[in-house]
Protein backbone atom coordinates (compact mmCIF):
# COMPACT_ATOMS: atom_id res chain seq x y z
CA UNK A 1 -27.42 -2.68 -0.93
CA UNK A 2 -24.24 -3.19 1.01
CA UNK A 3 -21.80 -0.05 1.29
CA UNK A 4 -19.36 -0.38 -0.84
CA UNK A 5 -17.03 1.90 1.29
CA UNK A 6 -17.34 -1.24 4.08
CA UNK A 7 -16.34 -4.33 4.51
CA UNK A 8 -19.43 -6.74 4.82
CA UNK A 9 -19.07 -10.87 5.08
CA UNK A 10 -22.06 -11.26 3.16
CA UNK A 11 -21.03 -9.96 0.10
CA UNK A 12 -17.41 -9.66 0.16
CA UNK A 13 -15.65 -10.58 -3.07
CA UNK A 14 -11.90 -9.52 -3.10
CA UNK A 15 -11.90 -9.64 -6.89
CA UNK A 16 -8.81 -7.45 -6.75
CA UNK A 17 -6.23 -10.02 -6.00
CA UNK A 18 -5.15 -13.46 -7.83
CA UNK A 19 -7.16 -16.46 -7.73
CA UNK A 20 -5.45 -18.25 -4.59
CA UNK A 21 -5.06 -14.93 -2.53
CA UNK A 22 -9.41 -14.58 -3.01
CA UNK A 23 -9.68 -18.15 -2.42
CA UNK A 24 -7.73 -17.55 0.89
CA UNK A 25 -9.36 -14.68 2.12
CA UNK A 26 -13.01 -16.07 1.51
CA UNK A 27 -12.21 -19.09 3.38
CA UNK A 28 -11.14 -17.26 6.26
CA UNK A 29 -14.33 -14.95 6.56
CA UNK A 30 -16.20 -18.40 6.03
CA UNK A 31 -14.32 -20.11 8.45
CA UNK A 32 -15.73 -17.34 11.25
CA UNK A 33 -19.07 -16.97 9.86
CA UNK A 34 -19.45 -20.83 10.10
CA UNK A 35 -17.98 -21.00 13.62
CA UNK A 36 -20.85 -18.03 14.63
CA UNK A 37 -21.14 -15.19 16.69
CA UNK A 38 -21.91 -17.41 19.94
CA UNK A 39 -18.66 -18.61 19.71
CA UNK A 40 -16.90 -15.85 19.07
CA UNK A 41 -17.64 -14.08 21.82
CA UNK A 42 -17.67 -17.27 24.43
CA UNK A 43 -13.97 -17.49 23.34
CA UNK A 44 -13.44 -14.03 24.02
CA UNK A 45 -14.81 -14.37 27.38
CA UNK A 46 -13.23 -17.58 28.25
CA UNK A 47 -9.63 -16.73 27.35
CA UNK A 48 -9.46 -19.87 25.22
CA UNK A 49 -6.63 -20.06 23.61
CA UNK A 50 -6.76 -20.01 19.84
CA UNK A 51 -5.91 -23.62 18.89
CA UNK A 52 -8.52 -24.34 16.27
CA UNK A 53 -7.91 -20.83 14.45
CA UNK A 54 -4.30 -21.95 14.10
CA UNK A 55 -5.44 -25.26 13.02
CA UNK A 56 -7.36 -23.71 10.06
CA UNK A 57 -4.68 -21.44 9.26
CA UNK A 58 -2.09 -24.36 8.75
CA UNK A 59 -4.79 -26.50 7.08
CA UNK A 60 -5.10 -23.85 4.67
CA UNK A 61 -1.64 -23.08 4.58
CA UNK A 62 -2.88 -19.22 5.55
CA UNK A 63 0.48 -17.86 7.07
CA UNK A 64 2.86 -19.80 4.83
CA UNK A 65 1.16 -18.40 1.81
CA UNK A 66 1.16 -14.50 2.83
CA UNK A 67 4.17 -14.15 5.15
CA UNK A 68 7.05 -16.20 3.50
CA UNK A 69 8.73 -13.84 0.84
CA UNK A 70 9.54 -15.18 -2.79
CA UNK A 71 13.16 -15.22 -1.89
CA UNK A 72 12.13 -18.11 0.51
CA UNK A 73 9.09 -19.38 -1.04
CA UNK A 74 8.67 -22.99 -2.05
CA UNK A 75 5.38 -22.11 -4.18
CA UNK A 76 4.58 -19.59 -6.81
CA UNK A 77 1.64 -17.93 -4.74
CA UNK A 78 3.83 -17.15 -1.56
CA UNK A 79 5.13 -13.57 -1.65
CA UNK A 80 5.09 -10.53 1.36
CA UNK A 81 2.56 -8.63 -0.76
CA UNK A 82 1.13 -5.69 1.91
CA UNK A 83 -1.83 -5.39 0.10
CA UNK A 84 -3.48 -8.56 0.73
CA UNK A 85 -1.70 -8.68 4.18
CA UNK A 86 -3.74 -5.38 4.96
CA UNK A 87 -6.93 -6.79 3.76
CA UNK A 88 -6.24 -10.07 6.17
CA UNK A 89 -5.50 -7.27 8.65
CA UNK A 90 -8.85 -6.16 8.30
CA UNK A 91 -10.66 -9.59 8.65
CA UNK A 92 -9.24 -10.28 11.47
CA UNK A 93 -9.93 -7.25 13.31
CA UNK A 94 -13.49 -7.58 11.97
CA UNK A 95 -14.02 -10.83 14.27
CA UNK A 96 -11.48 -9.99 16.87
CA UNK A 97 -7.96 -8.75 17.87
CA UNK A 98 -7.26 -12.00 19.41
CA UNK A 99 -6.95 -13.73 16.08
CA UNK A 100 -5.12 -10.60 14.54
CA UNK A 101 -2.48 -10.43 17.41
CA UNK A 102 -1.61 -14.41 16.80
CA UNK A 103 -1.06 -13.36 12.78
CA UNK A 104 0.79 -9.63 14.06
CA UNK A 105 3.30 -11.20 16.27
CA UNK A 106 4.08 -13.71 13.79
CA UNK A 107 4.91 -11.08 11.56
CA UNK A 108 7.15 -9.27 13.95
CA UNK A 109 8.59 -12.41 14.68
CA UNK A 110 9.31 -13.17 11.18
CA UNK A 111 10.86 -9.53 10.54
CA UNK A 112 14.65 -10.16 11.92
CA UNK A 113 14.41 -13.38 9.95
CA UNK A 114 13.64 -12.49 6.47
CA UNK A 115 16.19 -9.27 7.30
CA UNK A 116 18.61 -11.84 7.69
CA UNK A 117 21.39 -13.52 5.70
CA UNK A 118 21.45 -16.35 7.63
CA UNK A 119 20.46 -19.15 5.40
CA UNK A 120 19.95 -21.89 7.63
CA UNK A 121 17.76 -19.82 9.78
CA UNK A 122 15.46 -18.53 6.93
CA UNK A 123 15.39 -22.34 5.86
CA UNK A 124 13.93 -23.65 9.06
CA UNK A 125 11.30 -20.33 9.35
CA UNK A 126 9.83 -21.14 6.01
CA UNK A 127 9.42 -24.77 7.00
CA UNK A 128 7.89 -23.78 10.39
CA UNK A 129 5.33 -21.39 8.34
CA UNK A 130 4.56 -24.50 6.13
CA UNK A 131 4.05 -26.22 9.12
CA UNK A 132 1.46 -24.18 10.83
CA UNK A 133 3.45 -22.84 13.49
CA UNK A 134 3.32 -19.31 14.95
CA UNK A 135 6.66 -16.91 15.47
CA UNK A 136 7.40 -14.53 18.28
CA UNK A 137 9.47 -11.49 18.49
CA UNK A 138 11.38 -11.04 21.80
CA UNK A 139 12.50 -7.27 22.07
CA UNK A 140 10.43 -5.85 25.20
CA UNK A 141 11.61 -6.58 28.58
CA UNK A 142 9.68 -5.74 31.93
CA UNK A 143 12.11 -3.17 33.60
CA UNK A 144 13.02 -1.40 30.18
CA UNK A 145 10.03 -1.62 28.02
CA UNK A 146 11.25 -1.38 24.24
CA UNK A 147 14.37 0.52 25.11
CA UNK A 148 16.66 -2.06 23.43
CA UNK A 149 19.46 0.34 24.10
CA UNK A 150 19.07 -1.39 27.79
CA UNK A 151 18.52 -4.94 27.27
CA UNK A 152 20.05 -7.44 29.74
CA UNK A 153 19.41 -9.89 27.70
CA UNK A 154 23.35 -11.11 27.85
CA UNK A 155 24.89 -13.65 25.34
CA UNK A 156 28.20 -15.41 26.79
CA UNK A 157 30.78 -16.69 24.29
CA UNK A 158 31.22 -20.72 24.82
CA UNK A 159 34.13 -20.94 23.10
CA UNK A 160 32.68 -23.08 20.21
CA UNK A 161 31.91 -20.00 18.29
CA UNK A 162 28.09 -19.81 20.00
CA UNK A 163 27.04 -18.24 22.85
CA UNK A 164 25.19 -18.93 26.08
CA UNK A 165 21.98 -16.85 26.38
CA UNK A 166 20.29 -15.42 29.89
CA UNK A 167 17.98 -13.01 30.53
CA UNK A 168 14.16 -12.37 30.33
CA UNK A 169 11.76 -11.10 27.97
CA UNK A 170 8.61 -9.80 29.04
CA UNK A 171 5.11 -8.60 26.92
CA UNK A 172 6.42 -11.31 24.21
CA UNK A 173 3.30 -12.33 22.08
CA UNK A 174 2.49 -16.19 21.17
CA UNK A 175 5.74 -16.61 23.71
CA UNK A 176 4.02 -20.02 24.51
CA UNK A 177 3.78 -21.14 21.65
CA UNK A 178 6.22 -20.00 18.85
CA UNK A 179 8.19 -22.48 16.73
CA UNK A 180 10.44 -19.50 16.13
CA UNK A 181 11.23 -16.32 19.02
CA UNK A 182 13.32 -13.82 17.32
CA UNK A 183 15.23 -12.56 20.36
CA UNK A 184 17.59 -9.34 21.06
CA UNK A 185 20.28 -9.09 23.17
CA UNK A 186 23.60 -8.05 23.82
CA UNK A 187 26.97 -9.73 24.11
CA UNK A 188 28.35 -9.76 27.56
CA UNK A 189 31.91 -9.27 25.97
CA UNK A 190 31.51 -6.16 23.87
CA UNK A 191 30.25 -2.82 24.79
CA UNK A 192 27.74 -0.47 22.74
CA UNK A 193 26.16 -1.00 19.65
CA UNK A 194 28.89 -3.64 18.30
CA UNK A 195 27.46 -6.09 20.74
CA UNK A 196 23.67 -6.24 20.35
CA UNK A 197 22.76 -9.86 18.55
CA UNK A 198 19.56 -11.22 17.30
CA UNK A 199 19.00 -15.13 18.04
CA UNK A 200 16.30 -17.35 17.07
CA UNK A 201 15.32 -19.58 20.09
CA UNK A 202 12.74 -22.22 20.38
CA UNK A 203 9.86 -21.92 22.98
CA UNK A 204 9.85 -25.72 23.30
CA UNK A 205 13.80 -25.90 24.53
CA UNK A 206 14.29 -27.24 27.91
CA UNK A 207 16.32 -23.58 28.63
CA UNK A 208 13.27 -21.57 27.66
CA UNK A 209 11.15 -20.78 30.73
CA UNK A 210 7.78 -19.49 29.97
CA UNK A 211 6.57 -17.54 32.99
CA UNK A 212 3.05 -16.34 32.85
CA UNK A 213 0.25 -14.77 30.27
CA UNK A 214 0.94 -11.29 31.72
CA UNK A 215 -2.68 -10.20 30.35
CA UNK A 216 -6.25 -11.55 31.03
CA UNK A 217 -6.67 -12.71 27.22
CA UNK A 218 -6.91 -14.97 24.59
CA UNK A 219 -4.06 -13.17 23.40
CA UNK A 220 -0.62 -14.99 24.87
CA UNK A 221 1.64 -11.94 25.76
CA UNK A 222 4.07 -13.67 27.81
CA UNK A 223 6.99 -13.25 30.24
CA UNK A 224 9.35 -15.95 29.15
CA UNK A 225 13.58 -16.40 30.59
CA UNK A 226 16.16 -18.36 28.94
CA UNK A 227 18.77 -19.57 31.00
CA UNK A 228 22.28 -20.71 29.31
CA UNK A 229 20.33 -21.18 26.49
CA UNK A 230 22.71 -22.47 23.81
CA UNK A 231 22.88 -19.94 20.77
CA UNK A 232 24.70 -21.90 17.78
CA UNK A 233 26.14 -19.76 14.54
CA UNK A 234 22.77 -21.01 12.83
CA UNK A 235 21.23 -19.34 15.54
CA UNK A 236 22.51 -16.00 14.74
CA UNK A 237 20.51 -13.49 12.68
CA UNK A 238 22.34 -10.22 13.07
CA UNK A 239 25.16 -8.99 14.94
CA UNK A 240 25.86 -5.49 16.19
CA UNK A 241 24.17 -2.50 14.40
CA UNK A 242 22.74 -4.68 12.10
CA UNK A 243 20.81 -5.99 15.06
CA UNK A 244 19.64 -2.61 16.27
CA UNK A 245 18.52 -1.72 12.63
CA UNK A 246 16.70 -4.86 12.42
CA UNK A 247 14.42 -4.10 15.43
CA UNK A 248 13.64 -1.12 14.16
CA UNK A 249 12.91 -1.77 10.51
CA UNK A 250 10.81 -5.04 11.73
CA UNK A 251 8.47 -2.52 14.07
CA UNK A 252 8.58 -0.26 10.65
CA UNK A 253 6.83 -3.39 8.78
CA UNK A 254 4.83 -4.26 11.78
CA UNK A 255 3.36 -1.45 13.26
CA UNK A 256 1.89 -0.73 9.77
CA UNK A 257 -0.86 -3.54 10.47
CA UNK A 258 -2.41 -1.81 13.37
CA UNK A 259 -4.56 0.64 11.11
CA UNK A 260 -6.67 -2.17 8.76
CA UNK A 261 -6.88 -4.06 12.43
CA UNK A 262 -8.57 -0.88 13.83
CA UNK A 263 -10.50 -0.40 10.75
CA UNK A 264 -12.28 -4.00 10.82
CA UNK A 265 -12.95 -3.38 14.53
CA UNK A 266 -14.80 -0.48 13.82
CA UNK A 267 -17.06 -1.44 10.99
CA UNK A 268 -18.17 -4.92 12.84
CA UNK A 269 -19.29 -2.40 15.49
CA UNK A 270 -20.90 0.19 13.49
CA UNK A 271 -23.01 -2.40 11.88
CA UNK A 272 -24.32 -3.56 15.54
CA UNK A 273 -24.31 0.19 16.42
CA UNK A 274 -26.95 1.12 13.92
CA UNK A 275 -29.17 -1.51 13.57
CA UNK A 276 -29.44 -1.40 17.24
CA UNK A 277 -29.77 2.56 17.45
CA UNK A 278 -32.49 2.42 14.49
CA UNK A 279 -34.62 -0.39 15.85
CA UNK A 280 -34.59 1.22 19.45
CA UNK A 281 -37.89 3.42 19.95
CA UNK A 282 -37.75 5.81 22.52
CA UNK A 283 -40.38 8.58 23.31
CA UNK A 284 -42.49 6.98 20.11
CA UNK A 285 -39.37 7.81 17.92
CA UNK A 286 -36.41 5.58 16.56
CA UNK A 287 -33.19 6.82 18.59
CA UNK A 288 -31.70 7.57 14.74
CA UNK A 289 -34.55 10.66 14.50
CA UNK A 290 -32.67 12.39 16.95
CA UNK A 291 -30.48 14.91 15.36
CA UNK A 292 -27.53 14.56 17.98
CA UNK A 293 -27.54 10.93 17.17
CA UNK A 294 -27.49 11.32 13.23
CA UNK A 295 -24.86 13.66 14.05
CA UNK A 296 -22.78 11.12 16.17
CA UNK A 297 -23.55 8.31 13.84
CA UNK A 298 -22.61 10.17 10.52
CA UNK A 299 -19.38 11.64 11.84
CA UNK A 300 -18.60 8.39 12.87
CA UNK A 301 -19.19 6.86 9.69
CA UNK A 302 -16.92 9.36 7.59
CA UNK A 303 -14.30 9.09 9.90
CA UNK A 304 -14.19 5.64 9.45
CA UNK A 305 -14.42 6.44 5.35
CA UNK A 306 -11.42 8.20 5.97
CA UNK A 307 -9.26 5.75 8.25
CA UNK A 308 -9.80 3.43 4.95
CA UNK A 309 -8.93 5.73 2.34
CA UNK A 310 -5.67 6.64 4.44
CA UNK A 311 -4.60 3.05 5.06
CA UNK A 312 -5.20 1.89 1.26
CA UNK A 313 -3.13 4.97 0.13
CA UNK A 314 -0.18 4.32 2.44
CA UNK A 315 -0.07 0.71 1.32
CA UNK A 316 0.80 1.93 -2.36
CA UNK A 317 3.91 4.29 -1.01
CA UNK A 318 4.68 1.42 1.52
CA UNK A 319 5.08 -0.94 -1.69
CA UNK A 320 6.81 1.50 -3.60
CA UNK A 321 9.32 2.01 -1.14
CA UNK A 322 13.03 2.06 -2.03
CA UNK A 323 16.18 3.68 -0.85
CA UNK A 324 15.50 7.08 -3.00
CA UNK A 325 12.03 6.81 -1.87
CA UNK A 326 11.39 6.41 1.81
CA UNK A 327 8.19 8.09 1.93
CA UNK A 328 6.51 5.40 4.04
CA UNK A 329 8.79 6.19 6.93
CA UNK A 330 6.17 9.29 7.42
CA UNK A 331 2.89 7.71 6.57
CA UNK A 332 3.60 4.43 8.41
CA UNK A 333 3.70 6.16 11.65
CA UNK A 334 0.31 8.05 10.51
CA UNK A 335 -1.27 4.90 10.14
CA UNK A 336 -0.03 3.74 13.75
CA UNK A 337 -0.82 6.75 15.52
CA UNK A 338 -3.67 8.82 13.40
CA UNK A 339 -5.88 5.91 12.01
CA UNK A 340 -5.72 4.07 15.19
CA UNK A 341 -6.87 7.02 17.55
CA UNK A 342 -9.33 7.71 14.99
CA UNK A 343 -10.67 4.28 15.71
CA UNK A 344 -11.29 4.96 19.17
CA UNK A 345 -13.09 8.17 18.26
CA UNK A 346 -15.63 5.96 15.78
CA UNK A 347 -16.42 3.55 18.61
CA UNK A 348 -16.79 6.46 21.11
CA UNK A 349 -18.99 8.40 18.85
CA UNK A 350 -21.26 5.04 18.66
CA UNK A 351 -20.68 4.15 22.07
CA UNK A 352 -22.44 7.60 23.03
CA UNK A 353 -25.73 6.42 20.95
CA UNK A 354 -25.90 2.67 21.93
CA UNK A 355 -24.67 3.50 25.66
CA UNK A 356 -25.91 0.76 27.86
CA UNK A 357 -26.65 -1.87 24.89
CA UNK A 358 -22.09 -1.13 24.51
CA UNK A 359 -21.68 -3.20 27.70
CA UNK A 360 -24.20 -6.19 27.33
CA UNK A 361 -21.92 -9.44 26.96
CA UNK A 362 -23.96 -11.08 23.94
CA UNK A 363 -22.51 -7.96 21.12
CA UNK A 364 -19.50 -7.46 19.69
CA UNK A 365 -19.61 -4.33 20.73
CA UNK A 366 -18.53 -4.79 23.94
CA UNK A 367 -15.56 -6.25 23.00
CA UNK A 368 -14.27 -3.80 20.59
CA UNK A 369 -14.73 -0.87 23.00
CA UNK A 370 -11.92 -2.65 24.96
CA UNK A 371 -9.72 -3.85 22.28
CA UNK A 372 -9.89 -0.58 20.04
CA UNK A 373 -7.86 0.98 23.12
CA UNK A 374 -5.26 -1.41 22.38
CA UNK A 375 -4.16 -0.61 18.91
CA UNK A 376 -2.81 2.82 19.54
CA UNK A 377 -0.63 2.08 22.68
CA UNK A 378 0.85 -1.16 20.47
CA UNK A 379 4.02 -0.72 18.54
CA UNK A 380 5.15 2.59 20.26
CA UNK A 381 2.60 5.11 21.88
CA UNK A 382 0.80 7.81 20.20
CA UNK A 383 3.37 10.23 21.74
CA UNK A 384 6.52 8.32 20.27
CA UNK A 385 4.64 8.36 16.79
CA UNK A 386 3.66 11.58 17.07
CA UNK A 387 7.61 12.53 17.99
CA UNK A 388 8.83 10.66 14.75
CA UNK A 389 6.15 12.40 12.83
CA UNK A 390 7.23 15.23 13.81
CA UNK A 391 10.83 14.91 12.19
CA UNK A 392 9.68 15.04 8.83
CA UNK A 393 7.25 18.39 9.14
CA UNK A 394 9.45 20.85 7.95
CA UNK A 395 9.98 19.01 4.57
CA UNK A 396 6.48 17.70 3.89
CA UNK A 397 5.13 20.78 4.35
CA UNK A 398 7.77 23.35 2.80
CA UNK A 399 10.23 21.64 0.89
CA UNK A 400 8.72 19.06 -1.94
CA UNK A 401 10.84 17.41 -4.18
CA UNK A 402 10.12 15.81 -7.65
CA UNK A 403 8.55 12.36 -7.35
CA UNK A 404 6.75 9.85 -10.31
CA UNK A 405 3.27 9.15 -9.57
CA UNK A 406 2.50 6.33 -7.01
CA UNK A 407 0.06 4.02 -8.90
CA UNK A 408 -2.88 1.98 -6.57
CA UNK A 409 -0.43 -0.93 -5.79
CA UNK A 410 -2.75 -4.04 -5.93
CA UNK A 411 -0.48 -6.06 -7.93
CA UNK A 412 1.19 -9.42 -7.23
CA UNK A 413 4.48 -8.47 -6.41
CA UNK A 414 7.04 -9.18 -3.85
CA UNK A 415 7.52 -6.24 -1.17
CA UNK A 416 10.91 -6.93 -1.44
CA UNK A 417 12.57 -3.81 -0.26
CA UNK A 418 10.79 -4.16 3.19
CA UNK A 419 13.42 -6.61 4.43
CA UNK A 420 16.26 -4.46 2.68
CA UNK A 421 15.51 -1.05 4.71
CA UNK A 422 19.01 -0.67 5.88
CA UNK A 423 20.26 1.68 8.43
CA UNK A 424 17.38 3.03 10.57
CA UNK A 425 18.46 6.60 10.46
CA UNK A 426 18.51 9.81 7.92
CA UNK A 427 14.97 11.30 8.38
CA UNK A 428 15.55 14.56 8.68
CA UNK A 429 16.56 14.12 5.18
CA UNK A 430 13.39 12.11 4.08
CA UNK A 431 11.93 14.43 1.01
CA UNK A 432 8.20 13.88 -0.02
CA UNK A 433 6.36 15.35 -3.10
CA UNK A 434 4.09 18.48 -2.94
CA UNK A 435 0.73 18.00 -0.94
CA UNK A 436 -0.92 20.68 -2.44
CA UNK A 437 -2.22 19.28 -5.66
CA UNK A 438 -3.98 16.72 -3.59
CA UNK A 439 -5.82 19.49 -2.26
CA UNK A 440 -6.25 21.70 -5.38
CA UNK A 441 -8.29 18.58 -6.85
CA UNK A 442 -10.91 19.16 -4.84
CA UNK A 443 -11.05 23.14 -4.66
CA UNK A 444 -14.54 22.43 -5.38
CA UNK A 445 -15.32 21.18 -2.30
CA UNK A 446 -16.48 23.56 0.22
CA UNK A 447 -15.03 22.07 2.81
CA UNK A 448 -12.06 20.74 1.43
CA UNK A 449 -11.35 24.16 0.39
CA UNK A 450 -11.87 25.59 3.81
CA UNK A 451 -9.37 22.92 5.47
CA UNK A 452 -6.93 24.01 2.92
CA UNK A 453 -6.84 27.37 4.65
CA UNK A 454 -6.21 25.70 7.64
CA UNK A 455 -3.22 23.47 6.03
CA UNK A 456 -1.88 27.03 4.35
CA UNK A 457 -1.90 28.48 7.57
CA UNK A 458 0.04 26.11 8.76
CA UNK A 459 3.04 26.52 6.87
CA UNK A 460 3.22 30.33 7.85
CA UNK A 461 3.21 28.95 11.19
CA UNK A 462 6.55 26.62 10.58
CA UNK A 463 7.89 28.98 8.29
CA UNK A 464 7.44 32.19 11.31
CA UNK A 465 6.63 31.01 14.45
CA UNK A 466 7.73 27.49 14.69
CA UNK A 467 9.17 26.55 18.48
CA UNK A 468 12.04 27.84 18.78
CA UNK A 469 15.47 25.95 20.58
CA UNK A 470 13.91 25.96 24.23
CA UNK A 471 10.30 25.33 22.87
CA UNK A 472 11.87 22.47 21.20
CA UNK A 473 12.30 20.83 24.57
CA UNK A 474 8.98 21.16 25.43
CA UNK A 475 7.22 18.03 23.89
CA UNK A 476 3.73 18.93 25.17
CA UNK A 477 3.89 21.90 23.00
CA UNK A 478 5.60 19.78 20.28
CA UNK A 479 2.71 17.50 20.15
CA UNK A 480 0.49 19.41 19.86
CA UNK A 481 1.83 20.82 16.78
CA UNK A 482 2.24 17.61 15.61
CA UNK A 483 -1.55 16.91 15.76
CA UNK A 484 -1.88 19.91 13.40
CA UNK A 485 0.88 18.54 10.79
CA UNK A 486 -0.80 14.68 10.90
CA UNK A 487 -4.39 16.33 10.22
CA UNK A 488 -2.64 17.99 6.55
CA UNK A 489 -1.17 14.47 5.84
CA UNK A 490 -4.07 12.62 6.83
CA UNK A 491 -6.00 14.43 4.18
CA UNK A 492 -3.78 14.34 1.64
CA UNK A 493 -3.71 10.51 1.31
CA UNK A 494 -6.98 10.65 2.11
CA UNK A 495 -7.92 13.04 -1.41
CA UNK A 496 -5.20 11.03 -3.21
CA UNK A 497 -6.84 7.79 -2.91
CA UNK A 498 -10.63 9.43 -3.38
CA UNK A 499 -9.47 10.50 -6.69
CA UNK A 500 -8.40 7.15 -7.47
CA UNK A 501 -11.30 5.63 -6.05
CA UNK A 502 -14.10 8.37 -7.45
CA UNK A 503 -15.24 8.72 -4.25
CA UNK A 504 -18.66 10.15 -3.64
CA UNK A 505 -18.07 14.12 -2.83
CA UNK A 506 -20.74 14.24 -0.50
CA UNK A 507 -18.84 11.97 1.96
CA UNK A 508 -15.82 13.71 1.09
CA UNK A 509 -17.25 16.95 1.97
CA UNK A 510 -18.66 15.45 5.20
CA UNK A 511 -15.32 13.90 6.14
CA UNK A 512 -13.29 17.47 5.79
CA UNK A 513 -16.31 18.84 7.72
CA UNK A 514 -14.69 16.98 10.67
CA UNK A 515 -11.45 17.69 10.15
CA UNK A 516 -11.66 21.34 9.81
CA UNK A 517 -13.18 21.09 13.33
CA UNK A 518 -10.62 18.98 14.35
CA UNK A 519 -8.07 20.91 13.15
CA UNK A 520 -9.67 23.96 14.87
CA UNK A 521 -9.63 22.07 18.30
CA UNK A 522 -5.93 21.49 18.41
CA UNK A 523 -5.35 25.03 17.09
CA UNK A 524 -6.93 25.90 20.38
CA UNK A 525 -5.04 23.28 22.44
CA UNK A 526 -1.59 24.55 20.94
CA UNK A 527 -3.53 28.22 22.13
CA UNK A 528 -3.75 26.90 25.44
CA UNK A 529 0.01 25.49 26.23
CA UNK A 530 1.88 27.09 29.06
CA UNK A 531 4.81 27.75 26.69
CA UNK A 532 2.91 29.18 23.89
CA UNK A 533 4.01 32.21 22.70
CA UNK A 534 2.05 35.37 22.18
CA UNK A 535 2.72 35.22 18.73
CA UNK A 536 1.85 31.53 18.39
CA UNK A 537 -1.48 32.16 20.51
CA UNK A 538 -2.48 34.35 18.00
CA UNK A 539 -2.03 32.42 15.45
CA UNK A 540 -3.75 29.62 16.82
CA UNK A 541 -7.21 31.51 17.18
CA UNK A 542 -6.29 32.76 13.60
CA UNK A 543 -6.92 29.20 12.27
CA UNK A 544 -9.76 28.23 13.70
CA UNK A 545 -12.58 27.55 10.99
CA UNK A 546 -15.83 26.86 10.91
CA UNK A 547 -16.84 24.29 8.69
CA UNK A 548 -19.41 24.70 5.53
CA UNK A 549 -22.85 23.81 6.56
CA UNK A 550 -25.01 22.14 4.09
CA UNK A 551 -27.93 20.40 5.47
CA UNK A 552 -29.10 18.53 2.11
CA UNK A 553 -25.48 16.89 1.95
CA UNK A 554 -25.51 15.96 5.42
CA UNK A 555 -28.80 14.31 4.96
CA UNK A 556 -27.68 12.54 1.39
CA UNK A 557 -24.67 11.34 3.91
CA UNK A 558 -27.03 10.14 6.77
CA UNK A 559 -29.28 7.96 4.25
CA UNK A 560 -25.88 5.99 3.32
CA UNK A 561 -25.73 5.73 8.06
CA UNK A 562 -29.07 4.88 8.20
CA UNK A 563 -28.78 2.12 5.23
CA UNK A 564 -26.45 0.24 7.53
CA UNK A 565 -29.05 -0.84 9.92
CA UNK A 566 -29.63 -4.74 8.92
CA UNK A 567 -26.96 -4.94 6.70
CA UNK A 568 -24.74 -7.11 8.39
CA UNK A 569 -25.39 -9.80 11.23
CA UNK A 570 -23.10 -12.57 11.91
CA UNK A 571 -25.45 -15.38 12.41
CA UNK A 572 -25.88 -17.25 15.84
């Protein structure tokens, strides 16, 4: 019997969605399955461009259906629906990050367009999507990275109401084939933020020069240059501060996709790893008979379940966001930072079990072990997103506000607010609902109760021993505090989703035994920081807890893990 918590192509039926969404998701799975594992791996190893995949997506109208908001739609089933976008992210991750990446940078390229009031550009984007084109997001530069304050893409007025753009962009996905590239630059004649401009460029234009793919991969992560590129009024998407806001708000939309891609990678790798370990005999015993192997695979499994629970619940807050409810601004970098780093841990745990098998060229695992590393480093590093998360810590832990309950959001609605987020500031004023009731609902689960002790201790730390003004300049110390806070938020949304889905309490208890250990490890890390005060050191050691051990519970969870052996294997 298939595990209901994990994606399995053999049994997949996204019945929670409308008929057309179900058809497209299932058609995508079937396309990959029909191609088979040998072709999947060979295309990855040969760095083949994704022409056949993009042809399939164009034929089915996949990108056009999922990525055209209702305001620009030509068909009733077109909308920007984060729930079904997340489902497709997971499928793409399951089969290979190269496919997900072409889709992801299309999402980023569309962000400034769908936030724009330029009707001509919006119409052009919808037509390009309908024609099966991909998009690109021209933000980063070789010298400055994503430091948009320092962009060297310069636009000079041409005297006819338009501009001539000259400059280069670096690390731009789909830059080799994009029908529309949303490019960030600044006017040469205006200083400061009022001079920012977002404009649309075409990769096929003679003044657009493709330099190279900067990575050795099917993912075409381009460097390109514009030389005296003509930018007319119909090409201008945003000017001034609105261009700056469009850049950050686009990343808000795009970074959310990394979590579910990471989940898909881990799921495929887990089927391979458990199946291999279960059938490999060492010293006359299956590898899975060894206690340390069972512990590593069980930890990997419950961490993966936690990734899914958190991400699924975060979808609800993302879709329910409004000018008066900006809680997504915390849960969004959490999915990017916490879920993707959990994905690395899941792969590492399994790799310790399967060892040399994880290098073999005929396995999906070999590419999973490489690709899982990229997700924590895309759309801002872990450190950048952790620093962002810290801005919400005091309000979240100590100053809850009243909010109506957010339901599970699987309805076929258009997520219009994502393109109406407004100015990208005021994070310190964002309020949150009380995190404690989610924990109270599972107070009878031993390791949830044990972790709650640590969460309460963190509140006491923030109230009485938080970093002072001088320590607040020590990012190394702050990041350790941020990891502790992230665990509390991670646990909160896991528990909310567990309640909504009636999660098996053995799995939940085993998952929180892992979180207790994680909190203790980060507390010890904080204790060792150079600038930690005596009070902070004392607090850190006092927050260390031992998980509640229950051999019978662990045995029941192991049975779920063991059942994954042979549950799915991709056809040759």
